[in-house]
mmCIF file of all heavy atoms, coordinates in Angstrom:
data_MODEL
# 
_entry.id   MODEL 
# 
loop_
_atom_site.group_PDB 
_atom_site.id 
_atom_site.type_symbol 
_atom_site.label_atom_id 
_atom_site.label_alt_id 
_atom_site.label_comp_id 
_atom_site.label_asym_id 
_atom_site.label_entity_id 
_atom_site.label_seq_id 
_atom_site.pdbx_PDB_ins_code 
_atom_site.Cartn_x 
_atom_site.Cartn_y 
_atom_site.Cartn_z 
_atom_site.occupancy 
_atom_site.B_iso_or_equiv 
_atom_site.pdbx_formal_charge 
_atom_site.auth_seq_id 
_atom_site.auth_comp_id 
_atom_site.auth_asym_id 
_atom_site.auth_atom_id 
_atom_site.pdbx_PDB_model_num 
ATOM 1   N N   . LEU A 1 1  ? 0.824  -1.131 0.027  1.00 0.00 ? 1  LEU A N   1 
ATOM 2   C CA  . LEU A 1 1  ? 0.043  -0.001 0.006  1.00 0.00 ? 1  LEU A CA  1 
ATOM 3   C C   . LEU A 1 1  ? 0.898  1.216  -0.009 1.00 0.00 ? 1  LEU A C   1 
ATOM 4   O O   . LEU A 1 1  ? 1.998  1.207  0.490  1.00 0.00 ? 1  LEU A O   1 
ATOM 5   C CB  . LEU A 1 1  ? -0.877 0.045  1.233  1.00 0.00 ? 1  LEU A CB  1 
ATOM 6   C CG  . LEU A 1 1  ? -2.070 -0.819 1.222  1.00 0.00 ? 1  LEU A CG  1 
ATOM 7   C CD1 . LEU A 1 1  ? -2.768 -0.693 2.650  1.00 0.00 ? 1  LEU A CD1 1 
ATOM 8   C CD2 . LEU A 1 1  ? -3.105 -0.470 0.220  1.00 0.00 ? 1  LEU A CD2 1 
ATOM 9   N N   . ARG A 1 2  ? 0.342  2.317  -0.531 1.00 0.00 ? 2  ARG A N   1 
ATOM 10  C CA  . ARG A 1 2  ? 1.062  3.608  -0.498 1.00 0.00 ? 2  ARG A CA  1 
ATOM 11  C C   . ARG A 1 2  ? 0.167  4.609  0.160  1.00 0.00 ? 2  ARG A C   1 
ATOM 12  O O   . ARG A 1 2  ? -0.959 4.882  -0.338 1.00 0.00 ? 2  ARG A O   1 
ATOM 13  C CB  . ARG A 1 2  ? 1.421  4.037  -1.895 1.00 0.00 ? 2  ARG A CB  1 
ATOM 14  C CG  . ARG A 1 2  ? 2.393  5.279  -1.904 1.00 0.00 ? 2  ARG A CG  1 
ATOM 15  C CD  . ARG A 1 2  ? 2.489  5.808  -3.297 1.00 0.00 ? 2  ARG A CD  1 
ATOM 16  N NE  . ARG A 1 2  ? 3.607  6.736  -3.428 1.00 0.00 ? 2  ARG A NE  1 
ATOM 17  C CZ  . ARG A 1 2  ? 3.655  7.728  -4.350 1.00 0.00 ? 2  ARG A CZ  1 
ATOM 18  N NH1 . ARG A 1 2  ? 2.662  7.834  -5.220 1.00 0.00 ? 2  ARG A NH1 1 
ATOM 19  N NH2 . ARG A 1 2  ? 4.705  8.494  -4.432 1.00 0.00 ? 2  ARG A NH2 1 
ATOM 20  N N   . LEU A 1 3  ? 0.646  5.245  1.240  1.00 0.00 ? 3  LEU A N   1 
ATOM 21  C CA  . LEU A 1 3  ? -0.068 6.301  1.909  1.00 0.00 ? 3  LEU A CA  1 
ATOM 22  C C   . LEU A 1 3  ? 0.473  7.622  1.470  1.00 0.00 ? 3  LEU A C   1 
ATOM 23  O O   . LEU A 1 3  ? 1.689  7.765  1.209  1.00 0.00 ? 3  LEU A O   1 
ATOM 24  C CB  . LEU A 1 3  ? 0.096  6.189  3.393  1.00 0.00 ? 3  LEU A CB  1 
ATOM 25  C CG  . LEU A 1 3  ? -0.280 4.825  4.094  1.00 0.00 ? 3  LEU A CG  1 
ATOM 26  C CD1 . LEU A 1 3  ? -0.130 4.912  5.579  1.00 0.00 ? 3  LEU A CD1 1 
ATOM 27  C CD2 . LEU A 1 3  ? -1.686 4.386  3.716  1.00 0.00 ? 3  LEU A CD2 1 
ATOM 28  N N   . SER A 1 4  ? -0.436 8.605  1.416  1.00 0.00 ? 4  SER A N   1 
ATOM 29  C CA  . SER A 1 4  ? -0.029 9.994  1.059  1.00 0.00 ? 4  SER A CA  1 
ATOM 30  C C   . SER A 1 4  ? -0.617 10.967 2.115  1.00 0.00 ? 4  SER A C   1 
ATOM 31  O O   . SER A 1 4  ? -1.626 10.701 2.709  1.00 0.00 ? 4  SER A O   1 
ATOM 32  C CB  . SER A 1 4  ? -0.559 10.351 -0.301 1.00 0.00 ? 4  SER A CB  1 
ATOM 33  O OG  . SER A 1 4  ? -0.140 9.548  -1.312 1.00 0.00 ? 4  SER A OG  1 
ATOM 34  N N   . CYS A 1 5  ? 0.079  11.986 2.274  1.00 0.00 ? 5  CYS A N   1 
ATOM 35  C CA  . CYS A 1 5  ? -0.335 13.030 3.243  1.00 0.00 ? 5  CYS A CA  1 
ATOM 36  C C   . CYS A 1 5  ? 0.030  14.371 2.688  1.00 0.00 ? 5  CYS A C   1 
ATOM 37  O O   . CYS A 1 5  ? 1.238  14.636 2.496  1.00 0.00 ? 5  CYS A O   1 
ATOM 38  C CB  . CYS A 1 5  ? 0.299  12.789 4.599  1.00 0.00 ? 5  CYS A CB  1 
ATOM 39  S SG  . CYS A 1 5  ? -0.067 14.111 5.763  1.00 0.00 ? 5  CYS A SG  1 
ATOM 40  N N   . ALA A 1 6  ? -0.922 15.184 2.379  1.00 0.00 ? 6  ALA A N   1 
ATOM 41  C CA  . ALA A 1 6  ? -0.690 16.534 1.782  1.00 0.00 ? 6  ALA A CA  1 
ATOM 42  C C   . ALA A 1 6  ? -0.980 17.633 2.730  1.00 0.00 ? 6  ALA A C   1 
ATOM 43  O O   . ALA A 1 6  ? -2.116 17.664 3.289  1.00 0.00 ? 6  ALA A O   1 
ATOM 44  C CB  . ALA A 1 6  ? -1.484 16.707 0.506  1.00 0.00 ? 6  ALA A CB  1 
ATOM 45  N N   . ALA A 1 7  ? -0.073 18.569 2.947  1.00 0.00 ? 7  ALA A N   1 
ATOM 46  C CA  . ALA A 1 7  ? -0.332 19.686 3.782  1.00 0.00 ? 7  ALA A CA  1 
ATOM 47  C C   . ALA A 1 7  ? -0.765 20.875 2.914  1.00 0.00 ? 7  ALA A C   1 
ATOM 48  O O   . ALA A 1 7  ? -0.252 21.071 1.765  1.00 0.00 ? 7  ALA A O   1 
ATOM 49  C CB  . ALA A 1 7  ? 0.967  20.089 4.517  1.00 0.00 ? 7  ALA A CB  1 
ATOM 50  N N   . SER A 1 8  ? -1.717 21.602 3.421  1.00 0.00 ? 8  SER A N   1 
ATOM 51  C CA  . SER A 1 8  ? -2.276 22.752 2.633  1.00 0.00 ? 8  SER A CA  1 
ATOM 52  C C   . SER A 1 8  ? -2.350 23.930 3.517  1.00 0.00 ? 8  SER A C   1 
ATOM 53  O O   . SER A 1 8  ? -2.420 23.825 4.738  1.00 0.00 ? 8  SER A O   1 
ATOM 54  C CB  . SER A 1 8  ? -3.606 22.421 2.026  1.00 0.00 ? 8  SER A CB  1 
ATOM 55  O OG  . SER A 1 8  ? -4.575 22.075 2.991  1.00 0.00 ? 8  SER A OG  1 
ATOM 56  N N   . GLY A 1 9  ? -2.460 25.111 2.924  1.00 0.00 ? 9  GLY A N   1 
ATOM 57  C CA  . GLY A 1 9  ? -2.592 26.331 3.665  1.00 0.00 ? 9  GLY A CA  1 
ATOM 58  C C   . GLY A 1 9  ? -1.266 27.081 3.548  1.00 0.00 ? 9  GLY A C   1 
ATOM 59  O O   . GLY A 1 9  ? -0.479 26.925 2.636  1.00 0.00 ? 9  GLY A O   1 
ATOM 60  N N   . SER A 1 10 ? -1.096 27.993 4.453  1.00 0.00 ? 10 SER A N   1 
ATOM 61  C CA  . SER A 1 10 ? 0.064  28.882 4.449  1.00 0.00 ? 10 SER A CA  1 
ATOM 62  C C   . SER A 1 10 ? 1.347  28.192 4.886  1.00 0.00 ? 10 SER A C   1 
ATOM 63  O O   . SER A 1 10 ? 1.877  28.494 6.035  1.00 0.00 ? 10 SER A O   1 
ATOM 64  C CB  . SER A 1 10 ? -0.156 30.157 5.240  1.00 0.00 ? 10 SER A CB  1 
ATOM 65  O OG  . SER A 1 10 ? -1.274 30.879 4.756  1.00 0.00 ? 10 SER A OG  1 
ATOM 66  N N   . ILE A 1 11 ? 1.838  27.274 4.115  1.00 0.00 ? 11 ILE A N   1 
ATOM 67  C CA  . ILE A 1 11 ? 3.013  26.419 4.456  1.00 0.00 ? 11 ILE A CA  1 
ATOM 68  C C   . ILE A 1 11 ? 4.111  26.992 3.605  1.00 0.00 ? 11 ILE A C   1 
ATOM 69  O O   . ILE A 1 11 ? 4.042  26.962 2.421  1.00 0.00 ? 11 ILE A O   1 
ATOM 70  C CB  . ILE A 1 11 ? 2.819  24.912 4.141  1.00 0.00 ? 11 ILE A CB  1 
ATOM 71  C CG1 . ILE A 1 11 ? 1.610  24.388 4.874  1.00 0.00 ? 11 ILE A CG1 1 
ATOM 72  C CG2 . ILE A 1 11 ? 4.114  24.202 4.400  1.00 0.00 ? 11 ILE A CG2 1 
ATOM 73  C CD1 . ILE A 1 11 ? 1.851  24.358 6.392  1.00 0.00 ? 11 ILE A CD1 1 
ATOM 74  N N   . PHE A 1 12 ? 5.223  27.427 4.249  1.00 0.00 ? 12 PHE A N   1 
ATOM 75  C CA  . PHE A 1 12 ? 6.310  28.002 3.493  1.00 0.00 ? 12 PHE A CA  1 
ATOM 76  C C   . PHE A 1 12 ? 7.554  27.105 3.481  1.00 0.00 ? 12 PHE A C   1 
ATOM 77  O O   . PHE A 1 12 ? 8.309  27.128 2.594  1.00 0.00 ? 12 PHE A O   1 
ATOM 78  C CB  . PHE A 1 12 ? 6.712  29.393 4.065  1.00 0.00 ? 12 PHE A CB  1 
ATOM 79  C CG  . PHE A 1 12 ? 5.583  30.369 3.954  1.00 0.00 ? 12 PHE A CG  1 
ATOM 80  C CD1 . PHE A 1 12 ? 4.796  30.729 5.065  1.00 0.00 ? 12 PHE A CD1 1 
ATOM 81  C CD2 . PHE A 1 12 ? 5.246  30.966 2.772  1.00 0.00 ? 12 PHE A CD2 1 
ATOM 82  C CE1 . PHE A 1 12 ? 3.766  31.619 4.958  1.00 0.00 ? 12 PHE A CE1 1 
ATOM 83  C CE2 . PHE A 1 12 ? 4.187  31.832 2.581  1.00 0.00 ? 12 PHE A CE2 1 
ATOM 84  C CZ  . PHE A 1 12 ? 3.485  32.165 3.732  1.00 0.00 ? 12 PHE A CZ  1 
ATOM 85  N N   . SER A 1 13 ? 7.755  26.344 4.530  1.00 0.00 ? 13 SER A N   1 
ATOM 86  C CA  . SER A 1 13 ? 8.885  25.406 4.555  1.00 0.00 ? 13 SER A CA  1 
ATOM 87  C C   . SER A 1 13 ? 8.528  24.208 5.450  1.00 0.00 ? 13 SER A C   1 
ATOM 88  O O   . SER A 1 13 ? 7.854  24.484 6.476  1.00 0.00 ? 13 SER A O   1 
ATOM 89  C CB  . SER A 1 13 ? 10.149 26.140 5.024  1.00 0.00 ? 13 SER A CB  1 
ATOM 90  O OG  . SER A 1 13 ? 10.035 26.545 6.316  1.00 0.00 ? 13 SER A OG  1 
ATOM 91  N N   . ILE A 1 14 ? 9.031  23.106 5.089  1.00 0.00 ? 14 ILE A N   1 
ATOM 92  C CA  . ILE A 1 14 ? 8.773  21.896 5.853  1.00 0.00 ? 14 ILE A CA  1 
ATOM 93  C C   . ILE A 1 14 ? 10.104 21.456 6.524  1.00 0.00 ? 14 ILE A C   1 
ATOM 94  O O   . ILE A 1 14 ? 11.078 21.316 5.794  1.00 0.00 ? 14 ILE A O   1 
ATOM 95  C CB  . ILE A 1 14 ? 8.164  20.786 5.071  1.00 0.00 ? 14 ILE A CB  1 
ATOM 96  C CG1 . ILE A 1 14 ? 6.740  21.162 4.642  1.00 0.00 ? 14 ILE A CG1 1 
ATOM 97  C CG2 . ILE A 1 14 ? 8.161  19.495 5.820  1.00 0.00 ? 14 ILE A CG2 1 
ATOM 98  C CD1 . ILE A 1 14 ? 6.048  20.197 3.792  1.00 0.00 ? 14 ILE A CD1 1 
ATOM 99  N N   . ASN A 1 15 ? 10.075 21.226 7.788  1.00 0.00 ? 15 ASN A N   1 
ATOM 100 C CA  . ASN A 1 15 ? 11.330 20.814 8.477  1.00 0.00 ? 15 ASN A CA  1 
ATOM 101 C C   . ASN A 1 15 ? 11.452 19.317 8.608  1.00 0.00 ? 15 ASN A C   1 
ATOM 102 O O   . ASN A 1 15 ? 12.546 18.751 8.515  1.00 0.00 ? 15 ASN A O   1 
ATOM 103 C CB  . ASN A 1 15 ? 11.323 21.462 9.874  1.00 0.00 ? 15 ASN A CB  1 
ATOM 104 C CG  . ASN A 1 15 ? 11.195 22.954 9.856  1.00 0.00 ? 15 ASN A CG  1 
ATOM 105 O OD1 . ASN A 1 15 ? 10.156 23.461 10.295 1.00 0.00 ? 15 ASN A OD1 1 
ATOM 106 N ND2 . ASN A 1 15 ? 12.142 23.625 9.261  1.00 0.00 ? 15 ASN A ND2 1 
ATOM 107 N N   . ALA A 1 16 ? 10.307 18.637 8.836  1.00 0.00 ? 16 ALA A N   1 
ATOM 108 C CA  . ALA A 1 16 ? 10.315 17.214 9.003  1.00 0.00 ? 16 ALA A CA  1 
ATOM 109 C C   . ALA A 1 16 ? 8.951  16.629 8.709  1.00 0.00 ? 16 ALA A C   1 
ATOM 110 O O   . ALA A 1 16 ? 7.951  17.278 8.894  1.00 0.00 ? 16 ALA A O   1 
ATOM 111 C CB  . ALA A 1 16 ? 10.738 16.824 10.382 1.00 0.00 ? 16 ALA A CB  1 
ATOM 112 N N   . MET A 1 17 ? 8.962  15.362 8.251  1.00 0.00 ? 17 MET A N   1 
ATOM 113 C CA  . MET A 1 17 ? 7.704  14.652 7.929  1.00 0.00 ? 17 MET A CA  1 
ATOM 114 C C   . MET A 1 17 ? 7.814  13.279 8.553  1.00 0.00 ? 17 MET A C   1 
ATOM 115 O O   . MET A 1 17 ? 8.915  12.664 8.391  1.00 0.00 ? 17 MET A O   1 
ATOM 116 C CB  . MET A 1 17 ? 7.446  14.597 6.468  1.00 0.00 ? 17 MET A CB  1 
ATOM 117 C CG  . MET A 1 17 ? 7.233  15.939 5.820  1.00 0.00 ? 17 MET A CG  1 
ATOM 118 S SD  . MET A 1 17 ? 6.971  15.922 4.030  1.00 0.00 ? 17 MET A SD  1 
ATOM 119 C CE  . MET A 1 17 ? 8.567  15.711 3.429  1.00 0.00 ? 17 MET A CE  1 
ATOM 120 N N   . LYS A 1 18 ? 6.762  12.804 9.160  1.00 0.00 ? 18 LYS A N   1 
ATOM 121 C CA  . LYS A 1 18 ? 6.823  11.522 9.896  1.00 0.00 ? 18 LYS A CA  1 
ATOM 122 C C   . LYS A 1 18 ? 5.547  10.788 9.690  1.00 0.00 ? 18 LYS A C   1 
ATOM 123 O O   . LYS A 1 18 ? 4.545  11.366 9.389  1.00 0.00 ? 18 LYS A O   1 
ATOM 124 C CB  . LYS A 1 18 ? 7.089  11.724 11.357 1.00 0.00 ? 18 LYS A CB  1 
ATOM 125 C CG  . LYS A 1 18 ? 8.340  12.395 11.673 1.00 0.00 ? 18 LYS A CG  1 
ATOM 126 C CD  . LYS A 1 18 ? 8.401  12.818 13.215 1.00 0.00 ? 18 LYS A CD  1 
ATOM 127 C CE  . LYS A 1 18 ? 9.606  13.726 13.518 1.00 0.00 ? 18 LYS A CE  1 
ATOM 128 N NZ  . LYS A 1 18 ? 9.618  14.127 14.962 1.00 0.00 ? 18 LYS A NZ  1 
ATOM 129 N N   . TRP A 1 19 ? 5.614  9.466  9.846  1.00 0.00 ? 19 TRP A N   1 
ATOM 130 C CA  . TRP A 1 19 ? 4.423  8.612  9.913  1.00 0.00 ? 19 TRP A CA  1 
ATOM 131 C C   . TRP A 1 19 ? 4.474  7.881  11.224 1.00 0.00 ? 19 TRP A C   1 
ATOM 132 O O   . TRP A 1 19 ? 5.488  7.350  11.659 1.00 0.00 ? 19 TRP A O   1 
ATOM 133 C CB  . TRP A 1 19 ? 4.429  7.632  8.751  1.00 0.00 ? 19 TRP A CB  1 
ATOM 134 C CG  . TRP A 1 19 ? 4.085  8.217  7.429  1.00 0.00 ? 19 TRP A CG  1 
ATOM 135 C CD1 . TRP A 1 19 ? 4.947  8.634  6.524  1.00 0.00 ? 19 TRP A CD1 1 
ATOM 136 C CD2 . TRP A 1 19 ? 2.742  8.471  6.928  1.00 0.00 ? 19 TRP A CD2 1 
ATOM 137 N NE1 . TRP A 1 19 ? 4.271  9.116  5.441  1.00 0.00 ? 19 TRP A NE1 1 
ATOM 138 C CE2 . TRP A 1 19 ? 2.912  9.043  5.670  1.00 0.00 ? 19 TRP A CE2 1 
ATOM 139 C CE3 . TRP A 1 19 ? 1.484  8.274  7.424  1.00 0.00 ? 19 TRP A CE3 1 
ATOM 140 C CZ2 . TRP A 1 19 ? 1.808  9.382  4.864  1.00 0.00 ? 19 TRP A CZ2 1 
ATOM 141 C CZ3 . TRP A 1 19 ? 0.402  8.578  6.614  1.00 0.00 ? 19 TRP A CZ3 1 
ATOM 142 C CH2 . TRP A 1 19 ? 0.591  9.190  5.370  1.00 0.00 ? 19 TRP A CH2 1 
ATOM 143 N N   . TYR A 1 20 ? 3.330  7.880  11.941 1.00 0.00 ? 20 TYR A N   1 
ATOM 144 C CA  . TYR A 1 20 ? 3.099  7.114  13.178 1.00 0.00 ? 20 TYR A CA  1 
ATOM 145 C C   . TYR A 1 20 ? 1.979  6.137  12.881 1.00 0.00 ? 20 TYR A C   1 
ATOM 146 O O   . TYR A 1 20 ? 1.222  6.295  11.962 1.00 0.00 ? 20 TYR A O   1 
ATOM 147 C CB  . TYR A 1 20 ? 2.680  8.076  14.289 1.00 0.00 ? 20 TYR A CB  1 
ATOM 148 C CG  . TYR A 1 20 ? 3.728  9.003  14.807 1.00 0.00 ? 20 TYR A CG  1 
ATOM 149 C CD1 . TYR A 1 20 ? 4.050  10.140 14.181 1.00 0.00 ? 20 TYR A CD1 1 
ATOM 150 C CD2 . TYR A 1 20 ? 4.385  8.720  15.983 1.00 0.00 ? 20 TYR A CD2 1 
ATOM 151 C CE1 . TYR A 1 20 ? 5.028  11.077 14.620 1.00 0.00 ? 20 TYR A CE1 1 
ATOM 152 C CE2 . TYR A 1 20 ? 5.373  9.601  16.526 1.00 0.00 ? 20 TYR A CE2 1 
ATOM 153 C CZ  . TYR A 1 20 ? 5.703  10.744 15.806 1.00 0.00 ? 20 TYR A CZ  1 
ATOM 154 O OH  . TYR A 1 20 ? 6.662  11.592 16.305 1.00 0.00 ? 20 TYR A OH  1 
ATOM 155 N N   . ARG A 1 21 ? 1.865  5.156  13.796 1.00 0.00 ? 21 ARG A N   1 
ATOM 156 C CA  . ARG A 1 21 ? 0.730  4.261  13.739 1.00 0.00 ? 21 ARG A CA  1 
ATOM 157 C C   . ARG A 1 21 ? 0.315  3.903  15.129 1.00 0.00 ? 21 ARG A C   1 
ATOM 158 O O   . ARG A 1 21 ? 1.091  3.930  16.053 1.00 0.00 ? 21 ARG A O   1 
ATOM 159 C CB  . ARG A 1 21 ? 1.119  3.019  12.930 1.00 0.00 ? 21 ARG A CB  1 
ATOM 160 C CG  . ARG A 1 21 ? 2.101  2.109  13.530 1.00 0.00 ? 21 ARG A CG  1 
ATOM 161 C CD  . ARG A 1 21 ? 2.437  0.995  12.611 1.00 0.00 ? 21 ARG A CD  1 
ATOM 162 N NE  . ARG A 1 21 ? 3.408  0.037  13.166 1.00 0.00 ? 21 ARG A NE  1 
ATOM 163 C CZ  . ARG A 1 21 ? 3.987  -0.956 12.499 1.00 0.00 ? 21 ARG A CZ  1 
ATOM 164 N NH1 . ARG A 1 21 ? 3.639  -1.192 11.194 1.00 0.00 ? 21 ARG A NH1 1 
ATOM 165 N NH2 . ARG A 1 21 ? 4.852  -1.707 13.030 1.00 0.00 ? 21 ARG A NH2 1 
ATOM 166 N N   . GLN A 1 22 ? -0.941 3.552  15.231 1.00 0.00 ? 22 GLN A N   1 
ATOM 167 C CA  . GLN A 1 22 ? -1.502 3.112  16.520 1.00 0.00 ? 22 GLN A CA  1 
ATOM 168 C C   . GLN A 1 22 ? -2.435 1.943  16.252 1.00 0.00 ? 22 GLN A C   1 
ATOM 169 O O   . GLN A 1 22 ? -3.492 2.032  15.639 1.00 0.00 ? 22 GLN A O   1 
ATOM 170 C CB  . GLN A 1 22 ? -2.245 4.236  17.218 1.00 0.00 ? 22 GLN A CB  1 
ATOM 171 C CG  . GLN A 1 22 ? -2.741 3.949  18.613 1.00 0.00 ? 22 GLN A CG  1 
ATOM 172 C CD  . GLN A 1 22 ? -3.156 5.127  19.361 1.00 0.00 ? 22 GLN A CD  1 
ATOM 173 O OE1 . GLN A 1 22 ? -3.473 6.193  18.774 1.00 0.00 ? 22 GLN A OE1 1 
ATOM 174 N NE2 . GLN A 1 22 ? -3.169 5.093  20.713 1.00 0.00 ? 22 GLN A NE2 1 
ATOM 175 N N   . ALA A 1 23 ? -2.005 0.781  16.865 1.00 0.00 ? 23 ALA A N   1 
ATOM 176 C CA  . ALA A 1 23 ? -2.845 -0.369 16.758 1.00 0.00 ? 23 ALA A CA  1 
ATOM 177 C C   . ALA A 1 23 ? -3.774 -0.434 18.053 1.00 0.00 ? 23 ALA A C   1 
ATOM 178 O O   . ALA A 1 23 ? -3.498 0.180  19.042 1.00 0.00 ? 23 ALA A O   1 
ATOM 179 C CB  . ALA A 1 23 ? -1.966 -1.642 16.807 1.00 0.00 ? 23 ALA A CB  1 
ATOM 180 N N   . PRO A 1 24 ? -4.864 -1.168 17.931 1.00 0.00 ? 24 PRO A N   1 
ATOM 181 C CA  . PRO A 1 24 ? -5.822 -1.265 19.015 1.00 0.00 ? 24 PRO A CA  1 
ATOM 182 C C   . PRO A 1 24 ? -5.174 -1.656 20.342 1.00 0.00 ? 24 PRO A C   1 
ATOM 183 O O   . PRO A 1 24 ? -4.416 -2.654 20.345 1.00 0.00 ? 24 PRO A O   1 
ATOM 184 C CB  . PRO A 1 24 ? -6.824 -2.294 18.566 1.00 0.00 ? 24 PRO A CB  1 
ATOM 185 C CG  . PRO A 1 24 ? -6.753 -2.238 17.033 1.00 0.00 ? 24 PRO A CG  1 
ATOM 186 C CD  . PRO A 1 24 ? -5.320 -1.958 16.764 1.00 0.00 ? 24 PRO A CD  1 
ATOM 187 N N   . GLY A 1 25 ? -5.361 -0.929 21.362 1.00 0.00 ? 25 GLY A N   1 
ATOM 188 C CA  . GLY A 1 25 ? -4.837 -1.266 22.727 1.00 0.00 ? 25 GLY A CA  1 
ATOM 189 C C   . GLY A 1 25 ? -3.344 -0.948 22.829 1.00 0.00 ? 25 GLY A C   1 
ATOM 190 O O   . GLY A 1 25 ? -2.744 -1.268 23.885 1.00 0.00 ? 25 GLY A O   1 
ATOM 191 N N   . LYS A 1 26 ? -2.743 -0.280 21.838 1.00 0.00 ? 26 LYS A N   1 
ATOM 192 C CA  . LYS A 1 26 ? -1.365 -0.017 21.947 1.00 0.00 ? 26 LYS A CA  1 
ATOM 193 C C   . LYS A 1 26 ? -1.086 1.517  21.817 1.00 0.00 ? 26 LYS A C   1 
ATOM 194 O O   . LYS A 1 26 ? -1.950 2.238  21.362 1.00 0.00 ? 26 LYS A O   1 
ATOM 195 C CB  . LYS A 1 26 ? -0.567 -0.722 20.848 1.00 0.00 ? 26 LYS A CB  1 
ATOM 196 C CG  . LYS A 1 26 ? -0.550 -2.270 20.986 1.00 0.00 ? 26 LYS A CG  1 
ATOM 197 C CD  . LYS A 1 26 ? 0.357  -2.904 19.971 1.00 0.00 ? 26 LYS A CD  1 
ATOM 198 C CE  . LYS A 1 26 ? 0.406  -4.348 20.166 1.00 0.00 ? 26 LYS A CE  1 
ATOM 199 N NZ  . LYS A 1 26 ? 1.312  -5.036 19.151 1.00 0.00 ? 26 LYS A NZ  1 
ATOM 200 N N   . GLN A 1 27 ? 0.110  1.927  22.255 1.00 0.00 ? 27 GLN A N   1 
ATOM 201 C CA  . GLN A 1 27 ? 0.444  3.319  22.176 1.00 0.00 ? 27 GLN A CA  1 
ATOM 202 C C   . GLN A 1 27 ? 0.814  3.710  20.680 1.00 0.00 ? 27 GLN A C   1 
ATOM 203 O O   . GLN A 1 27 ? 1.263  2.821  19.911 1.00 0.00 ? 27 GLN A O   1 
ATOM 204 C CB  . GLN A 1 27 ? 1.623  3.656  23.073 1.00 0.00 ? 27 GLN A CB  1 
ATOM 205 C CG  . GLN A 1 27 ? 1.260  3.594  24.561 1.00 0.00 ? 27 GLN A CG  1 
ATOM 206 C CD  . GLN A 1 27 ? 2.394  4.133  25.409 1.00 0.00 ? 27 GLN A CD  1 
ATOM 207 O OE1 . GLN A 1 27 ? 3.581  3.968  25.068 1.00 0.00 ? 27 GLN A OE1 1 
ATOM 208 N NE2 . GLN A 1 27 ? 2.137  4.673  26.533 1.00 0.00 ? 27 GLN A NE2 1 
ATOM 209 N N   . ARG A 1 28 ? 0.681  4.960  20.372 1.00 0.00 ? 28 ARG A N   1 
ATOM 210 C CA  . ARG A 1 28 ? 1.076  5.441  19.061 1.00 0.00 ? 28 ARG A CA  1 
ATOM 211 C C   . ARG A 1 28 ? 2.610  5.293  18.960 1.00 0.00 ? 28 ARG A C   1 
ATOM 212 O O   . ARG A 1 28 ? 3.327  5.652  19.922 1.00 0.00 ? 28 ARG A O   1 
ATOM 213 C CB  . ARG A 1 28 ? 0.649  6.874  18.878 1.00 0.00 ? 28 ARG A CB  1 
ATOM 214 C CG  . ARG A 1 28 ? 0.834  7.347  17.443 1.00 0.00 ? 28 ARG A CG  1 
ATOM 215 C CD  . ARG A 1 28 ? 0.186  8.750  17.235 1.00 0.00 ? 28 ARG A CD  1 
ATOM 216 N NE  . ARG A 1 28 ? -1.259 8.707  17.464 1.00 0.00 ? 28 ARG A NE  1 
ATOM 217 C CZ  . ARG A 1 28 ? -2.046 9.721  17.183 1.00 0.00 ? 28 ARG A CZ  1 
ATOM 218 N NH1 . ARG A 1 28 ? -1.551 10.872 16.693 1.00 0.00 ? 28 ARG A NH1 1 
ATOM 219 N NH2 . ARG A 1 28 ? -3.362 9.672  17.376 1.00 0.00 ? 28 ARG A NH2 1 
# 
């Protein structure tokens, strides 16, 4: 699978991008 995440609005520079996940009953 391929996930995408697009930021919109007054974004001028991006410092870092991350992906997290949270399974049922577990911490992110």
